[in-house]
Amino acid sequence: MNEKSMTGLSWFKSSFSGEQGACVEVADARAMSSAVFIRDSKDQDGEVLSFRPAAFAAFVNDVRAGGYDS
């Protein structure tokens, strides 16, 4: 997707992120481009990462299962 087409995306943060500002925002664009986009919530005009939905779902499942807990 180009930058202009990304302006219509709905971005959201996890309800666990709080107000610290150290979080990311996610936009589900599967209906438009078969992708899930991620950006830094402190730099909304900065770089945007793109992931295939299956890869992002696997990551979320790993996080929920505690796979990245230290």
C-alpha atoms as a PDB file:
ATOM      1  CA  MET A   1       0.000   0.000   0.000  1.00  0.00           C
ATOM      2  CA  ASN A   2       1.196   3.498  -0.620  1.00  0.00           C
ATOM      3  CA  GLU A   3       1.221   6.263   1.989  1.00  0.00           C
ATOM      4  CA  LYS A   4      -1.913   7.956   0.647  1.00  0.00           C
ATOM      5  CA  SER A   5      -4.025   4.795   0.838  1.00  0.00           C
ATOM      6  CA  MET A   6      -2.885   4.190   4.428  1.00  0.00           C
ATOM      7  CA  THR A   7      -4.513   7.383   5.680  1.00  0.00           C
ATOM      8  CA  GLY A   8      -7.921   5.684   5.774  1.00  0.00           C
ATOM      9  CA  LEU A   9      -6.818   2.867   8.066  1.00  0.00           C
ATOM     10  CA  SER A  10      -8.210   2.508  11.581  1.00  0.00           C
ATOM     11  CA  TRP A  11      -5.326   2.234  14.021  1.00  0.00           C
ATOM     12  CA  PHE A  12      -5.707   0.875  17.550  1.00  0.00           C
ATOM     13  CA  LYS A  13      -3.585   0.160  20.625  1.00  0.00           C
ATOM     14  CA  SER A  14      -3.900  -2.661  23.103  1.00  0.00           C
ATOM     15  CA  SER A  15      -5.976  -1.839  26.156  1.00  0.00           C
ATOM     16  CA  PHE A  16      -2.931  -2.997  28.162  1.00  0.00           C
ATOM     17  CA  SER A  17      -0.683  -0.276  26.736  1.00  0.00           C
ATOM     18  CA  GLY A  18      -1.687   2.433  29.196  1.00  0.00           C
ATOM     19  CA  GLU A  19      -0.476   5.991  28.771  1.00  0.00           C
ATOM     20  CA  GLN A  20       3.307   5.477  28.958  1.00  0.00           C
ATOM     21  CA  GLY A  21       3.649   5.947  25.216  1.00  0.00           C
ATOM     22  CA  ALA A  22       5.919   2.922  24.784  1.00  0.00           C
ATOM     23  CA  CYS A  23       3.580   0.967  22.571  1.00  0.00           C
ATOM     24  CA  VAL A  24       2.671   0.171  19.011  1.00  0.00           C
ATOM     25  CA  GLU A  25      -0.522   0.643  17.044  1.00  0.00           C
ATOM     26  CA  VAL A  26      -2.033  -1.938  14.723  1.00  0.00           C
ATOM     27  CA  ALA A  27      -4.193  -1.521  11.620  1.00  0.00           C
ATOM     28  CA  ASP A  28      -5.899  -4.529  10.101  1.00  0.00           C
ATOM     29  CA  ALA A  29      -5.956  -3.923   6.352  1.00  0.00           C
ATOM     30  CA  ARG A  30      -6.762  -7.457   5.201  1.00  0.00           C
ATOM     31  CA  ALA A  31      -9.800  -6.265   3.255  1.00  0.00           C
ATOM     32  CA  MET A  32      -7.632  -3.808   1.284  1.00  0.00           C
ATOM     33  CA  SER A  33      -4.222  -5.426   0.995  1.00  0.00           C
ATOM     34  CA  SER A  34      -4.020  -8.759   2.823  1.00  0.00           C
ATOM     35  CA  ALA A  35      -1.772  -7.234   5.476  1.00  0.00           C
ATOM     36  CA  VAL A  36      -1.591  -6.141   9.087  1.00  0.00           C
ATOM     37  CA  PHE A  37       0.313  -2.898   9.667  1.00  0.00           C
ATOM     38  CA  ILE A  38       2.221  -1.844  12.803  1.00  0.00           C
ATOM     39  CA  ARG A  39       3.590   1.581  13.735  1.00  0.00           C
ATOM     40  CA  ASP A  40       5.141   3.301  16.741  1.00  0.00           C
ATOM     41  CA  SER A  41       2.422   5.180  18.623  1.00  0.00           C
ATOM     42  CA  LYS A  42       4.904   8.003  19.423  1.00  0.00           C
ATOM     43  CA  ASP A  43       5.799   8.472  15.727  1.00  0.00           C
ATOM     44  CA  GLN A  44       2.581   8.074  13.781  1.00  0.00           C
ATOM     45  CA  ASP A  45       4.132   9.585  10.650  1.00  0.00           C
ATOM     46  CA  GLY A  46       7.173   7.306  10.838  1.00  0.00           C
ATOM     47  CA  GLU A  47       7.883   3.914   9.352  1.00  0.00           C
ATOM     48  CA  VAL A  48       5.119   1.320   9.117  1.00  0.00           C
ATOM     49  CA  LEU A  49       5.816  -2.409   9.215  1.00  0.00           C
ATOM     50  CA  SER A  50       3.699  -4.818   7.192  1.00  0.00           C
ATOM     51  CA  PHE A  51       3.015  -8.444   8.133  1.00  0.00           C
ATOM     52  CA  ARG A  52       1.060 -11.259   6.553  1.00  0.00           C
ATOM     53  CA  PRO A  53      -2.027 -11.930   8.696  1.00  0.00           C
ATOM     54  CA  ALA A  54      -0.965 -15.509   9.500  1.00  0.00           C
ATOM     55  CA  ALA A  55       2.470 -14.369  10.702  1.00  0.00           C
ATOM     56  CA  PHE A  56       0.974 -11.636  12.885  1.00  0.00           C
ATOM     57  CA  ALA A  57      -1.627 -14.045  14.327  1.00  0.00           C
ATOM     58  CA  ALA A  58       1.144 -16.512  15.223  1.00  0.00           C
ATOM     59  CA  PHE A  59       3.079 -13.725  16.971  1.00  0.00           C
ATOM     60  CA  VAL A  60       0.010 -12.623  18.963  1.00  0.00           C
ATOM     61  CA  ASN A  61      -0.697 -16.215  19.983  1.00  0.00           C
ATOM     62  CA  ASP A  62       2.914 -16.620  21.166  1.00  0.00           C
ATOM     63  CA  VAL A  63       2.665 -13.416  23.213  1.00  0.00           C
ATOM     64  CA  ARG A  64      -0.593 -14.530  24.806  1.00  0.00           C
ATOM     65  CA  ALA A  65       0.974 -17.882  25.673  1.00  0.00           C
ATOM     66  CA  GLY A  66       3.857 -16.134  27.452  1.00  0.00           C
ATOM     67  CA  GLY A  67       6.405 -17.022  24.802  1.00  0.00           C
ATOM     68  CA  TYR A  68       8.287 -13.731  25.241  1.00  0.00           C
ATOM     69  CA  ASP A  69       8.087 -13.364  29.017  1.00  0.00           C
ATOM     70  CA  SER A  70      11.434 -13.035  30.690  1.00  0.00           C
END
